[in-house]
Amino acid sequence: MSAPEPAEISDLIPASLKDGAAPVFAEPWQAQAFALTVTLHQAGCFTWSEWANALGAEIARAGDADLGGARYYEFWLGALEKLVVAKGLASPTDIDVTAAAWRDAYLRTPHGQPVELNAAGTPAA
């Protein structure tokens, strides 16, 4: 049986997180990873079943290492990276180079300022 395709992005967020009792994302990168996943799905890059299987496999690899769910979005990002590579949307090298560029940009950006890359994929001046 395959997972149903969501009708709206809001369908992907558990109801318990929509009531305002707790933030949905602890860090901005988590929201960005979530949005990128939804965008790629909506663009037809992968089905929601493929996504669910990739995320499930990533979580299963951790076993009981994350009982509290603190690493959930790390697993989300790992699943997204693996699926993007499997679908030929980017190579592992592309992902590594981009991650390094973001890390460099983050380290060079003054506190409180937005972290940005320029069109060349290097930290914005």
PDB file of N, CA and C in Angstrom:
ATOM      1  N   MET A   1       0.849  -1.173   0.000  1.00  0.00           N
ATOM      2  CA  MET A   1       0.000   0.000   0.000  1.00  0.00           C
ATOM      3  C   MET A   1       0.896   1.237   0.000  1.00  0.00           C
ATOM      4  N   SER A   2       0.560   2.200  -0.802  1.00  0.00           N
ATOM      5  CA  SER A   2       1.368   3.409  -0.876  1.00  0.00           C
ATOM      6  C   SER A   2       0.758   4.512  -0.024  1.00  0.00           C
ATOM      7  N   ALA A   3       1.623   5.442   0.370  1.00  0.00           N
ATOM      8  CA  ALA A   3       1.167   6.576   1.166  1.00  0.00           C
ATOM      9  C   ALA A   3       0.327   7.496   0.295  1.00  0.00           C
ATOM     10  N   PRO A   4      -0.717   8.101   0.856  1.00  0.00           N
ATOM     11  CA  PRO A   4      -1.529   9.029   0.064  1.00  0.00           C
ATOM     12  C   PRO A   4      -0.749  10.286  -0.273  1.00  0.00           C
ATOM     13  N   GLU A   5      -1.050  10.860  -1.411  1.00  0.00           N
ATOM     14  CA  GLU A   5      -0.440  12.119  -1.819  1.00  0.00           C
ATOM     15  C   GLU A   5      -1.147  13.251  -1.073  1.00  0.00           C
ATOM     16  N   PRO A   6      -0.391  14.146  -0.434  1.00  0.00           N
ATOM     17  CA  PRO A   6      -1.028  15.249   0.291  1.00  0.00           C
ATOM     18  C   PRO A   6      -1.678  16.236  -0.672  1.00  0.00           C
ATOM     19  N   ALA A   7      -2.814  16.763  -0.275  1.00  0.00           N
ATOM     20  CA  ALA A   7      -3.514  17.744  -1.095  1.00  0.00           C
ATOM     21  C   ALA A   7      -2.902  19.133  -0.914  1.00  0.00           C
ATOM     22  N   GLU A   8      -2.469  19.429   0.289  1.00  0.00           N
ATOM     23  CA  GLU A   8      -1.914  20.736   0.622  1.00  0.00           C
ATOM     24  C   GLU A   8      -0.702  20.540   1.516  1.00  0.00           C
ATOM     25  N   ILE A   9       0.180  21.514   1.514  1.00  0.00           N
ATOM     26  CA  ILE A   9       1.340  21.437   2.391  1.00  0.00           C
ATOM     27  C   ILE A   9       0.900  21.302   3.837  1.00  0.00           C
ATOM     28  N   SER A  10      -0.129  22.006   4.229  1.00  0.00           N
ATOM     29  CA  SER A  10      -0.588  21.947   5.613  1.00  0.00           C
ATOM     30  C   SER A  10      -1.025  20.541   6.007  1.00  0.00           C
ATOM     31  N   ASP A  11      -1.370  19.696   5.030  1.00  0.00           N
ATOM     32  CA  ASP A  11      -1.740  18.311   5.329  1.00  0.00           C
ATOM     33  C   ASP A  11      -0.547  17.511   5.846  1.00  0.00           C
ATOM     34  N   LEU A  12       0.665  17.991   5.583  1.00  0.00           N
ATOM     35  CA  LEU A  12       1.868  17.281   5.990  1.00  0.00           C
ATOM     36  C   LEU A  12       2.238  17.545   7.440  1.00  0.00           C
ATOM     37  N   ILE A  13       1.728  18.611   8.010  1.00  0.00           N
ATOM     38  CA  ILE A  13       2.069  18.986   9.378  1.00  0.00           C
ATOM     39  C   ILE A  13       1.074  18.339  10.327  1.00  0.00           C
ATOM     40  N   PRO A  14       1.577  17.580  11.305  1.00  0.00           N
ATOM     41  CA  PRO A  14       0.668  16.942  12.254  1.00  0.00           C
ATOM     42  C   PRO A  14      -0.224  17.969  12.958  1.00  0.00           C
ATOM     43  N   ALA A  15      -1.476  17.593  13.202  1.00  0.00           N
ATOM     44  CA  ALA A  15      -2.436  18.502  13.826  1.00  0.00           C
ATOM     45  C   ALA A  15      -1.932  19.012  15.171  1.00  0.00           C
ATOM     46  N   SER A  16      -1.214  18.168  15.913  1.00  0.00           N
ATOM     47  CA  SER A  16      -0.721  18.584  17.230  1.00  0.00           C
ATOM     48  C   SER A  16       0.280  19.732  17.135  1.00  0.00           C
ATOM     49  N   LEU A  17       0.872  19.921  15.970  1.00  0.00           N
ATOM     50  CA  LEU A  17       1.834  20.998  15.806  1.00  0.00           C
ATOM     51  C   LEU A  17       1.210  22.255  15.209  1.00  0.00           C
ATOM     52  N   LYS A  18      -0.020  22.161  14.773  1.00  0.00           N
ATOM     53  CA  LYS A  18      -0.689  23.313  14.165  1.00  0.00           C
ATOM     54  C   LYS A  18      -1.433  24.167  15.185  1.00  0.00           C
ATOM     55  N   ASP A  19      -1.582  23.670  16.399  1.00  0.00           N
ATOM     56  CA  ASP A  19      -2.411  24.379  17.361  1.00  0.00           C
ATOM     57  C   ASP A  19      -1.690  25.518  18.066  1.00  0.00           C
ATOM     58  N   GLY A  20      -0.438  25.764  17.717  1.00  0.00           N
ATOM     59  CA  GLY A  20       0.305  26.864  18.301  1.00  0.00           C
ATOM     60  C   GLY A  20       0.922  26.533  19.645  1.00  0.00           C
ATOM     61  N   ALA A  21       0.769  25.308  20.122  1.00  0.00           N
ATOM     62  CA  ALA A  21       1.312  24.934  21.417  1.00  0.00           C
ATOM     63  C   ALA A  21       2.835  24.811  21.388  1.00  0.00           C
ATOM     64  N   ALA A  22       3.368  24.473  20.247  1.00  0.00           N
ATOM     65  CA  ALA A  22       4.816  24.298  20.133  1.00  0.00           C
ATOM     66  C   ALA A  22       5.245  24.697  18.722  1.00  0.00           C
ATOM     67  N   PRO A  23       6.470  25.162  18.582  1.00  0.00           N
ATOM     68  CA  PRO A  23       6.929  25.475  17.230  1.00  0.00           C
ATOM     69  C   PRO A  23       7.060  24.198  16.406  1.00  0.00           C
ATOM     70  N   VAL A  24       6.766  24.307  15.132  1.00  0.00           N
ATOM     71  CA  VAL A  24       6.870  23.160  14.249  1.00  0.00           C
ATOM     72  C   VAL A  24       8.340  22.843  13.981  1.00  0.00           C
ATOM     73  N   PHE A  25       9.154  23.878  13.844  1.00  0.00           N
ATOM     74  CA  PHE A  25      10.568  23.710  13.520  1.00  0.00           C
ATOM     75  C   PHE A  25      11.414  24.389  14.591  1.00  0.00           C
ATOM     76  N   ALA A  26      12.447  23.698  15.044  1.00  0.00           N
ATOM     77  CA  ALA A  26      13.327  24.260  16.058  1.00  0.00           C
ATOM     78  C   ALA A  26      14.360  25.202  15.445  1.00  0.00           C
ATOM     79  N   GLU A  27      14.697  24.985  14.177  1.00  0.00           N
ATOM     80  CA  GLU A  27      15.719  25.770  13.496  1.00  0.00           C
ATOM     81  C   GLU A  27      15.230  26.131  12.095  1.00  0.00           C
ATOM     82  N   PRO A  28      15.661  27.271  11.550  1.00  0.00           N
ATOM     83  CA  PRO A  28      15.240  27.648  10.198  1.00  0.00           C
ATOM     84  C   PRO A  28      15.592  26.612   9.133  1.00  0.00           C
ATOM     85  N   TRP A  29      16.741  25.943   9.257  1.00  0.00           N
ATOM     86  CA  TRP A  29      17.139  24.970   8.243  1.00  0.00           C
ATOM     87  C   TRP A  29      16.132  23.823   8.156  1.00  0.00           C
ATOM     88  N   GLN A  30      15.484  23.512   9.270  1.00  0.00           N
ATOM     89  CA  GLN A  30      14.485  22.444   9.261  1.00  0.00           C
ATOM     90  C   GLN A  30      13.292  22.836   8.397  1.00  0.00           C
ATOM     91  N   ALA A  31      12.845  24.066   8.534  1.00  0.00           N
ATOM     92  CA  ALA A  31      11.743  24.558   7.705  1.00  0.00           C
ATOM     93  C   ALA A  31      12.149  24.582   6.236  1.00  0.00           C
ATOM     94  N   GLN A  32      13.392  24.939   5.969  1.00  0.00           N
ATOM     95  CA  GLN A  32      13.868  24.984   4.588  1.00  0.00           C
ATOM     96  C   GLN A  32      13.950  23.577   3.989  1.00  0.00           C
ATOM     97  N   ALA A  33      14.416  22.612   4.772  1.00  0.00           N
ATOM     98  CA  ALA A  33      14.478  21.229   4.287  1.00  0.00           C
ATOM     99  C   ALA A  33      13.068  20.707   4.018  1.00  0.00           C
ATOM    100  N   PHE A  34      12.141  21.030   4.900  1.00  0.00           N
ATOM    101  CA  PHE A  34      10.746  20.630   4.736  1.00  0.00           C
ATOM    102  C   PHE A  34      10.191  21.242   3.444  1.00  0.00           C
ATOM    103  N   ALA A  35      10.394  22.549   3.272  1.00  0.00           N
ATOM    104  CA  ALA A  35       9.859  23.245   2.096  1.00  0.00           C
ATOM    105  C   ALA A  35      10.485  22.727   0.808  1.00  0.00           C
ATOM    106  N   LEU A  36      11.768  22.443   0.829  1.00  0.00           N
ATOM    107  CA  LEU A  36      12.428  21.916  -0.364  1.00  0.00           C
ATOM    108  C   LEU A  36      11.872  20.546  -0.732  1.00  0.00           C
ATOM    109  N   THR A  37      11.639  19.716   0.267  1.00  0.00           N
ATOM    110  CA  THR A  37      11.055  18.393   0.024  1.00  0.00           C
ATOM    111  C   THR A  37       9.684  18.523  -0.624  1.00  0.00           C
ATOM    112  N   VAL A  38       8.848  19.365  -0.066  1.00  0.00           N
ATOM    113  CA  VAL A  38       7.501  19.565  -0.607  1.00  0.00           C
ATOM    114  C   VAL A  38       7.577  20.129  -2.025  1.00  0.00           C
ATOM    115  N   THR A  39       8.454  21.090  -2.249  1.00  0.00           N
ATOM    116  CA  THR A  39       8.604  21.700  -3.581  1.00  0.00           C
ATOM    117  C   THR A  39       9.048  20.669  -4.612  1.00  0.00           C
ATOM    118  N   LEU A  40      10.032  19.849  -4.272  1.00  0.00           N
ATOM    119  CA  LEU A  40      10.499  18.818  -5.200  1.00  0.00           C
ATOM    120  C   LEU A  40       9.405  17.791  -5.478  1.00  0.00           C
ATOM    121  N   HIS A  41       8.655  17.434  -4.452  1.00  0.00           N
ATOM    122  CA  HIS A  41       7.528  16.515  -4.647  1.00  0.00           C
ATOM    123  C   HIS A  41       6.488  17.141  -5.591  1.00  0.00           C
ATOM    124  N   GLN A  42       6.126  18.391  -5.325  1.00  0.00           N
ATOM    125  CA  GLN A  42       5.119  19.055  -6.152  1.00  0.00           C
ATOM    126  C   GLN A  42       5.597  19.243  -7.593  1.00  0.00           C
ATOM    127  N   ALA A  43       6.911  19.331  -7.791  1.00  0.00           N
ATOM    128  CA  ALA A  43       7.473  19.465  -9.137  1.00  0.00           C
ATOM    129  C   ALA A  43       7.549  18.116  -9.852  1.00  0.00           C
ATOM    130  N   GLY A  44       7.156  17.052  -9.166  1.00  0.00           N
ATOM    131  CA  GLY A  44       7.137  15.729  -9.782  1.00  0.00           C
ATOM    132  C   GLY A  44       8.467  14.996  -9.744  1.00  0.00           C
ATOM    133  N   CYS A  45       9.376  15.457  -8.896  1.00  0.00           N
ATOM    134  CA  CYS A  45      10.688  14.816  -8.816  1.00  0.00           C
ATOM    135  C   CYS A  45      10.623  13.456  -8.133  1.00  0.00           C
ATOM    136  N   PHE A  46       9.652  13.273  -7.257  1.00  0.00           N
ATOM    137  CA  PHE A  46       9.433  11.985  -6.596  1.00  0.00           C
ATOM    138  C   PHE A  46       8.021  11.959  -6.033  1.00  0.00           C
ATOM    139  N   THR A  47       7.509  10.759  -5.854  1.00  0.00           N
ATOM    140  CA  THR A  47       6.172  10.612  -5.283  1.00  0.00           C
ATOM    141  C   THR A  47       6.261  10.711  -3.763  1.00  0.00           C
ATOM    142  N   TRP A  48       5.122  10.912  -3.142  1.00  0.00           N
ATOM    143  CA  TRP A  48       5.124  10.973  -1.686  1.00  0.00           C
ATOM    144  C   TRP A  48       5.454   9.608  -1.098  1.00  0.00           C
ATOM    145  N   SER A  49       5.080   8.545  -1.776  1.00  0.00           N
ATOM    146  CA  SER A  49       5.440   7.196  -1.319  1.00  0.00           C
ATOM    147  C   SER A  49       6.948   7.005  -1.349  1.00  0.00           C
ATOM    148  N   GLU A  50       7.595   7.479  -2.406  1.00  0.00           N
ATOM    149  CA  GLU A  50       9.055   7.383  -2.476  1.00  0.00           C
ATOM    150  C   GLU A  50       9.688   8.158  -1.323  1.00  0.00           C
ATOM    151  N   TRP A  51       9.140   9.352  -1.050  1.00  0.00           N
ATOM    152  CA  TRP A  51       9.653  10.160   0.045  1.00  0.00           C
ATOM    153  C   TRP A  51       9.470   9.446   1.386  1.00  0.00           C
ATOM    154  N   ALA A  52       8.289   8.933   1.624  1.00  0.00           N
ATOM    155  CA  ALA A  52       8.006   8.249   2.891  1.00  0.00           C
ATOM    156  C   ALA A  52       8.934   7.054   3.078  1.00  0.00           C
ATOM    157  N   ASN A  53       9.178   6.311   2.010  1.00  0.00           N
ATOM    158  CA  ASN A  53      10.078   5.158   2.093  1.00  0.00           C
ATOM    159  C   ASN A  53      11.512   5.604   2.391  1.00  0.00           C
ATOM    160  N   ALA A  54      11.956   6.684   1.750  1.00  0.00           N
ATOM    161  CA  ALA A  54      13.316   7.191   1.977  1.00  0.00           C
ATOM    162  C   ALA A  54      13.485   7.667   3.416  1.00  0.00           C
ATOM    163  N   LEU A  55      12.501   8.406   3.923  1.00  0.00           N
ATOM    164  CA  LEU A  55      12.575   8.892   5.298  1.00  0.00           C
ATOM    165  C   LEU A  55      12.512   7.729   6.283  1.00  0.00           C
ATOM    166  N   GLY A  56      11.624   6.786   6.024  1.00  0.00           N
ATOM    167  CA  GLY A  56      11.523   5.613   6.900  1.00  0.00           C
ATOM    168  C   GLY A  56      12.823   4.830   6.956  1.00  0.00           C
ATOM    169  N   ALA A  57      13.473   4.673   5.810  1.00  0.00           N
ATOM    170  CA  ALA A  57      14.743   3.944   5.768  1.00  0.00           C
ATOM    171  C   ALA A  57      15.819   4.688   6.547  1.00  0.00           C
ATOM    172  N   GLU A  58      15.831   5.998   6.432  1.00  0.00           N
ATOM    173  CA  GLU A  58      16.827   6.809   7.142  1.00  0.00           C
ATOM    174  C   GLU A  58      16.620   6.703   8.653  1.00  0.00           C
ATOM    175  N   ILE A  59      15.389   6.750   9.095  1.00  0.00           N
ATOM    176  CA  ILE A  59      15.090   6.635  10.524  1.00  0.00           C
ATOM    177  C   ILE A  59      15.431   5.228  11.015  1.00  0.00           C
ATOM    178  N   ALA A  60      15.105   4.211  10.212  1.00  0.00           N
ATOM    179  CA  ALA A  60      15.380   2.823  10.598  1.00  0.00           C
ATOM    180  C   ALA A  60      16.878   2.585  10.781  1.00  0.00           C
ATOM    181  N   ARG A  61      17.704   3.249   9.964  1.00  0.00           N
ATOM    182  CA  ARG A  61      19.161   3.090  10.101  1.00  0.00           C
ATOM    183  C   ARG A  61      19.636   3.543  11.480  1.00  0.00           C
ATOM    184  N   ALA A  62      18.945   4.480  12.088  1.00  0.00           N
ATOM    185  CA  ALA A  62      19.344   4.996  13.397  1.00  0.00           C
ATOM    186  C   ALA A  62      18.951   4.035  14.514  1.00  0.00           C
ATOM    187  N   GLY A  63      18.005   3.145  14.244  1.00  0.00           N
ATOM    188  CA  GLY A  63      17.542   2.235  15.286  1.00  0.00           C
ATOM    189  C   GLY A  63      16.947   3.002  16.442  1.00  0.00           C
ATOM    190  N   ASP A  64      17.375   2.676  17.638  1.00  0.00           N
ATOM    191  CA  ASP A  64      16.864   3.335  18.838  1.00  0.00           C
ATOM    192  C   ASP A  64      17.709   4.532  19.247  1.00  0.00           C
ATOM    193  N   ALA A  65      18.576   4.967  18.349  1.00  0.00           N
ATOM    194  CA  ALA A  65      19.505   6.050  18.687  1.00  0.00           C
ATOM    195  C   ALA A  65      18.815   7.394  18.888  1.00  0.00           C
ATOM    196  N   ASP A  66      17.573   7.524  18.477  1.00  0.00           N
ATOM    197  CA  ASP A  66      16.895   8.821  18.571  1.00  0.00           C
ATOM    198  C   ASP A  66      15.476   8.646  19.107  1.00  0.00           C
ATOM    199  N   LEU A  67      15.364   8.070  20.268  1.00  0.00           N
ATOM    200  CA  LEU A  67      14.040   7.800  20.827  1.00  0.00           C
ATOM    201  C   LEU A  67      13.231   9.061  21.078  1.00  0.00           C
ATOM    202  N   GLY A  68      13.877  10.168  21.376  1.00  0.00           N
ATOM    203  CA  GLY A  68      13.155  11.405  21.658  1.00  0.00           C
ATOM    204  C   GLY A  68      12.809  12.222  20.439  1.00  0.00           C
ATOM    205  N   GLY A  69      13.295  11.845  19.278  1.00  0.00           N
ATOM    206  CA  GLY A  69      12.977  12.568  18.057  1.00  0.00           C
ATOM    207  C   GLY A  69      13.794  13.826  17.830  1.00  0.00           C
ATOM    208  N   ALA A  70      14.825  14.060  18.644  1.00  0.00           N
ATOM    209  CA  ALA A  70      15.625  15.280  18.522  1.00  0.00           C
ATOM    210  C   ALA A  70      16.353  15.354  17.187  1.00  0.00           C
ATOM    211  N   ARG A  71      16.626  14.220  16.583  1.00  0.00           N
ATOM    212  CA  ARG A  71      17.377  14.205  15.330  1.00  0.00           C
ATOM    213  C   ARG A  71      16.473  14.007  14.112  1.00  0.00           C
ATOM    214  N   TYR A  72      15.177  14.150  14.272  1.00  0.00           N
ATOM    215  CA  TYR A  72      14.235  13.870  13.194  1.00  0.00           C
ATOM    216  C   TYR A  72      14.584  14.605  11.905  1.00  0.00           C
ATOM    217  N   TYR A  73      14.874  15.897  11.996  1.00  0.00           N
ATOM    218  CA  TYR A  73      15.150  16.652  10.774  1.00  0.00           C
ATOM    219  C   TYR A  73      16.545  16.362  10.212  1.00  0.00           C
ATOM    220  N   GLU A  74      17.450  15.834  11.033  1.00  0.00           N
ATOM    221  CA  GLU A  74      18.706  15.332  10.481  1.00  0.00           C
ATOM    222  C   GLU A  74      18.404  14.128   9.587  1.00  0.00           C
ATOM    223  N   PHE A  75      17.510  13.273  10.048  1.00  0.00           N
ATOM    224  CA  PHE A  75      17.106  12.118   9.233  1.00  0.00           C
ATOM    225  C   PHE A  75      16.371  12.597   7.988  1.00  0.00           C
ATOM    226  N   TRP A  76      15.529  13.607   8.150  1.00  0.00           N
ATOM    227  CA  TRP A  76      14.790  14.196   7.027  1.00  0.00           C
ATOM    228  C   TRP A  76      15.772  14.668   5.953  1.00  0.00           C
ATOM    229  N   LEU A  77      16.791  15.427   6.389  1.00  0.00           N
ATOM    230  CA  LEU A  77      17.771  15.953   5.445  1.00  0.00           C
ATOM    231  C   LEU A  77      18.573  14.824   4.798  1.00  0.00           C
ATOM    232  N   GLY A  78      18.965  13.829   5.583  1.00  0.00           N
ATOM    233  CA  GLY A  78      19.692  12.689   5.027  1.00  0.00           C
ATOM    234  C   GLY A  78      18.874  11.955   3.980  1.00  0.00           C
ATOM    235  N   ALA A  79      17.589  11.761   4.262  1.00  0.00           N
ATOM    236  CA  ALA A  79      16.704  11.095   3.300  1.00  0.00           C
ATOM    237  C   ALA A  79      16.561  11.932   2.042  1.00  0.00           C
ATOM    238  N   LEU A  80      16.424  13.234   2.206  1.00  0.00           N
ATOM    239  CA  LEU A  80      16.281  14.119   1.046  1.00  0.00           C
ATOM    240  C   LEU A  80      17.542  14.078   0.180  1.00  0.00           C
ATOM    241  N   GLU A  81      18.699  14.149   0.803  1.00  0.00           N
ATOM    242  CA  GLU A  81      19.946  14.097   0.044  1.00  0.00           C
ATOM    243  C   GLU A  81      20.066  12.789  -0.730  1.00  0.00           C
ATOM    244  N   LYS A  82      19.762  11.678  -0.079  1.00  0.00           N
ATOM    245  CA  LYS A  82      19.860  10.370  -0.743  1.00  0.00           C
ATOM    246  C   LYS A  82      18.858  10.262  -1.897  1.00  0.00           C
ATOM    247  N   LEU A  83      17.650  10.763  -1.699  1.00  0.00           N
ATOM    248  CA  LEU A  83      16.632  10.695  -2.743  1.00  0.00           C
ATOM    249  C   LEU A  83      16.995  11.593  -3.923  1.00  0.00           C
ATOM    250  N   VAL A  84      17.519  12.768  -3.649  1.00  0.00           N
ATOM    251  CA  VAL A  84      17.945  13.686  -4.714  1.00  0.00           C
ATOM    252  C   VAL A  84      19.048  13.049  -5.550  1.00  0.00           C
ATOM    253  N   VAL A  85      19.986  12.372  -4.890  1.00  0.00           N
ATOM    254  CA  VAL A  85      21.056  11.683  -5.615  1.00  0.00           C
ATOM    255  C   VAL A  85      20.482  10.515  -6.412  1.00  0.00           C
ATOM    256  N   ALA A  86      19.616   9.710  -5.788  1.00  0.00           N
ATOM    257  CA  ALA A  86      19.026   8.545  -6.459  1.00  0.00           C
ATOM    258  C   ALA A  86      18.231   8.950  -7.698  1.00  0.00           C
ATOM    259  N   LYS A  87      17.600  10.111  -7.656  1.00  0.00           N
ATOM    260  CA  LYS A  87      16.800  10.593  -8.779  1.00  0.00           C
ATOM    261  C   LYS A  87      17.642  11.345  -9.814  1.00  0.00           C
ATOM    262  N   GLY A  88      18.936  11.483  -9.554  1.00  0.00           N
ATOM    263  CA  GLY A  88      19.821  12.158 -10.501  1.00  0.00           C
ATOM    264  C   GLY A  88      19.651  13.670 -10.527  1.00  0.00           C
ATOM    265  N   LEU A  89      19.089  14.242  -9.477  1.00  0.00           N
ATOM    266  CA  LEU A  89      18.894  15.693  -9.422  1.00  0.00           C
ATOM    267  C   LEU A  89      20.173  16.417  -9.016  1.00  0.00           C
ATOM    268  N   ALA A  90      21.049  15.721  -8.327  1.00  0.00           N
ATOM    269  CA  ALA A  90      22.342  16.258  -7.907  1.00  0.00           C
ATOM    270  C   ALA A  90      23.247  15.077  -7.601  1.00  0.00           C
ATOM    271  N   SER A  91      24.545  15.333  -7.645  1.00  0.00           N
ATOM    272  CA  SER A  91      25.504  14.290  -7.304  1.00  0.00           C
ATOM    273  C   SER A  91      25.909  14.442  -5.839  1.00  0.00           C
ATOM    274  N   PRO A  92      26.484  13.401  -5.250  1.00  0.00           N
ATOM    275  CA  PRO A  92      26.992  13.553  -3.890  1.00  0.00           C
ATOM    276  C   PRO A  92      28.013  14.692  -3.789  1.00  0.00           C
ATOM    277  N   THR A  93      28.814  14.863  -4.821  1.00  0.00           N
ATOM    278  CA  THR A  93      29.791  15.963  -4.826  1.00  0.00           C
ATOM    279  C   THR A  93      29.082  17.306  -4.820  1.00  0.00           C
ATOM    280  N   ASP A  94      28.021  17.447  -5.624  1.00  0.00           N
ATOM    281  CA  ASP A  94      27.244  18.694  -5.629  1.00  0.00           C
ATOM    282  C   ASP A  94      26.743  19.018  -4.222  1.00  0.00           C
ATOM    283  N   ILE A  95      26.225  18.010  -3.550  1.00  0.00           N
ATOM    284  CA  ILE A  95      25.682  18.212  -2.205  1.00  0.00           C
ATOM    285  C   ILE A  95      26.795  18.599  -1.235  1.00  0.00           C
ATOM    286  N   ASP A  96      27.926  17.905  -1.311  1.00  0.00           N
ATOM    287  CA  ASP A  96      29.042  18.212  -0.416  1.00  0.00           C
ATOM    288  C   ASP A  96      29.582  19.624  -0.637  1.00  0.00           C
ATOM    289  N   VAL A  97      29.725  20.019  -1.904  1.00  0.00           N
ATOM    290  CA  VAL A  97      30.242  21.358  -2.219  1.00  0.00           C
ATOM    291  C   VAL A  97      29.271  22.432  -1.727  1.00  0.00           C
ATOM    292  N   THR A  98      27.992  22.225  -1.950  1.00  0.00           N
ATOM    293  CA  THR A  98      26.999  23.208  -1.511  1.00  0.00           C
ATOM    294  C   THR A  98      26.935  23.283   0.012  1.00  0.00           C
ATOM    295  N   ALA A  99      26.990  22.128   0.684  1.00  0.00           N
ATOM    296  CA  ALA A  99      26.977  22.123   2.151  1.00  0.00           C
ATOM    297  C   ALA A  99      28.191  22.867   2.695  1.00  0.00           C
ATOM    298  N   ALA A 100      29.350  22.657   2.086  1.00  0.00           N
ATOM    299  CA  ALA A 100      30.561  23.356   2.522  1.00  0.00           C
ATOM    300  C   ALA A 100      30.435  24.857   2.297  1.00  0.00           C
ATOM    301  N   ALA A 101      29.835  25.255   1.183  1.00  0.00           N
ATOM    302  CA  ALA A 101      29.648  26.683   0.905  1.00  0.00           C
ATOM    303  C   ALA A 101      28.718  27.321   1.930  1.00  0.00           C
ATOM    304  N   TRP A 102      27.638  26.629   2.290  1.00  0.00           N
ATOM    305  CA  TRP A 102      26.723  27.160   3.303  1.00  0.00           C
ATOM    306  C   TRP A 102      27.412  27.243   4.659  1.00  0.00           C
ATOM    307  N   ARG A 103      28.197  26.207   4.993  1.00  0.00           N
ATOM    308  CA  ARG A 103      28.924  26.209   6.261  1.00  0.00           C
ATOM    309  C   ARG A 103      29.887  27.412   6.300  1.00  0.00           C
ATOM    310  N   ASP A 104      30.617  27.640   5.215  1.00  0.00           N
ATOM    311  CA  ASP A 104      31.538  28.768   5.128  1.00  0.00           C
ATOM    312  C   ASP A 104      30.783  30.094   5.241  1.00  0.00           C
ATOM    313  N   ALA A 105      29.664  30.189   4.541  1.00  0.00           N
ATOM    314  CA  ALA A 105      28.859  31.418   4.602  1.00  0.00           C
ATOM    315  C   ALA A 105      28.346  31.666   6.015  1.00  0.00           C
ATOM    316  N   TYR A 106      27.926  30.607   6.669  1.00  0.00           N
ATOM    317  CA  TYR A 106      27.427  30.725   8.041  1.00  0.00           C
ATOM    318  C   TYR A 106      28.526  31.249   8.966  1.00  0.00           C
ATOM    319  N   LEU A 107      29.722  30.690   8.825  1.00  0.00           N
ATOM    320  CA  LEU A 107      30.825  31.093   9.692  1.00  0.00           C
ATOM    321  C   LEU A 107      31.298  32.514   9.424  1.00  0.00           C
ATOM    322  N   ARG A 108      31.093  33.017   8.218  1.00  0.00           N
ATOM    323  CA  ARG A 108      31.543  34.359   7.843  1.00  0.00           C
ATOM    324  C   ARG A 108      30.473  35.432   8.051  1.00  0.00           C
ATOM    325  N   THR A 109      29.256  35.028   8.336  1.00  0.00           N
ATOM    326  CA  THR A 109      28.155  35.984   8.443  1.00  0.00           C
ATOM    327  C   THR A 109      28.049  36.508   9.871  1.00  0.00           C
ATOM    328  N   PRO A 110      28.031  37.821  10.031  1.00  0.00           N
ATOM    329  CA  PRO A 110      27.871  38.386  11.383  1.00  0.00           C
ATOM    330  C   PRO A 110      26.550  37.933  12.019  1.00  0.00           C
ATOM    331  N   HIS A 111      26.592  37.757  13.324  1.00  0.00           N
ATOM    332  CA  HIS A 111      25.403  37.338  14.068  1.00  0.00           C
ATOM    333  C   HIS A 111      24.229  38.274  13.774  1.00  0.00           C
ATOM    334  N   GLY A 112      23.089  37.684  13.544  1.00  0.00           N
ATOM    335  CA  GLY A 112      21.878  38.454  13.295  1.00  0.00           C
ATOM    336  C   GLY A 112      21.632  38.798  11.842  1.00  0.00           C
ATOM    337  N   GLN A 113      22.613  38.550  10.994  1.00  0.00           N
ATOM    338  CA  GLN A 113      22.468  38.833   9.566  1.00  0.00           C
ATOM    339  C   GLN A 113      22.057  37.551   8.850  1.00  0.00           C
ATOM    340  N   PRO A 114      21.320  37.674   7.739  1.00  0.00           N
ATOM    341  CA  PRO A 114      20.936  36.472   6.990  1.00  0.00           C
ATOM    342  C   PRO A 114      22.159  35.833   6.323  1.00  0.00           C
ATOM    343  N   VAL A 115      22.186  34.523   6.339  1.00  0.00           N
ATOM    344  CA  VAL A 115      23.248  33.776   5.675  1.00  0.00           C
ATOM    345  C   VAL A 115      22.838  33.604   4.220  1.00  0.00           C
ATOM    346  N   GLU A 116      23.714  34.000   3.299  1.00  0.00           N
ATOM    347  CA  GLU A 116      23.372  33.961   1.885  1.00  0.00           C
ATOM    348  C   GLU A 116      24.540  33.463   1.052  1.00  0.00           C
ATOM    349  N   LEU A 117      24.217  32.808  -0.055  1.00  0.00           N
ATOM    350  CA  LEU A 117      25.192  32.452  -1.073  1.00  0.00           C
ATOM    351  C   LEU A 117      24.882  33.289  -2.294  1.00  0.00           C
ATOM    352  N   ASN A 118      25.900  33.623  -3.081  1.00  0.00           N
ATOM    353  CA  ASN A 118      25.643  34.345  -4.317  1.00  0.00           C
ATOM    354  C   ASN A 118      25.323  33.350  -5.428  1.00  0.00           C
ATOM    355  N   ALA A 119      25.107  33.815  -6.630  1.00  0.00           N
ATOM    356  CA  ALA A 119      24.723  32.953  -7.748  1.00  0.00           C
ATOM    357  C   ALA A 119      25.776  31.903  -8.062  1.00  0.00           C
ATOM    358  N   ALA A 120      27.037  32.178  -7.711  1.00  0.00           N
ATOM    359  CA  ALA A 120      28.120  31.224  -7.971  1.00  0.00           C
ATOM    360  C   ALA A 120      28.188  30.143  -6.891  1.00  0.00           C
ATOM    361  N   GLY A 121      27.318  30.252  -5.868  1.00  0.00           N
ATOM    362  CA  GLY A 121      27.312  29.264  -4.803  1.00  0.00           C
ATOM    363  C   GLY A 121      28.389  29.485  -3.757  1.00  0.00           C
ATOM    364  N   THR A 122      28.895  30.719  -3.682  1.00  0.00           N
ATOM    365  CA  THR A 122      29.881  31.062  -2.686  1.00  0.00           C
ATOM    366  C   THR A 122      29.268  32.087  -1.743  1.00  0.00           C
ATOM    367  N   PRO A 123      29.865  32.267  -0.551  1.00  0.00           N
ATOM    368  CA  PRO A 123      29.279  33.224   0.387  1.00  0.00           C
ATOM    369  C   PRO A 123      29.143  34.602  -0.239  1.00  0.00           C
ATOM    370  N   ALA A 124      27.995  35.218  -0.014  1.00  0.00           N
ATOM    371  CA  ALA A 124      27.750  36.561  -0.543  1.00  0.00           C
ATOM    372  C   ALA A 124      28.643  37.550   0.191  1.00  0.00           C
ATOM    373  N   ALA A 125      29.097  38.550  -0.540  1.00  0.00           N
ATOM    374  CA  ALA A 125      30.014  39.545   0.063  1.00  0.00           C
ATOM    375  C   ALA A 125      29.258  40.505   0.950  1.00  0.00           C
TER     376      ALA A 125
END
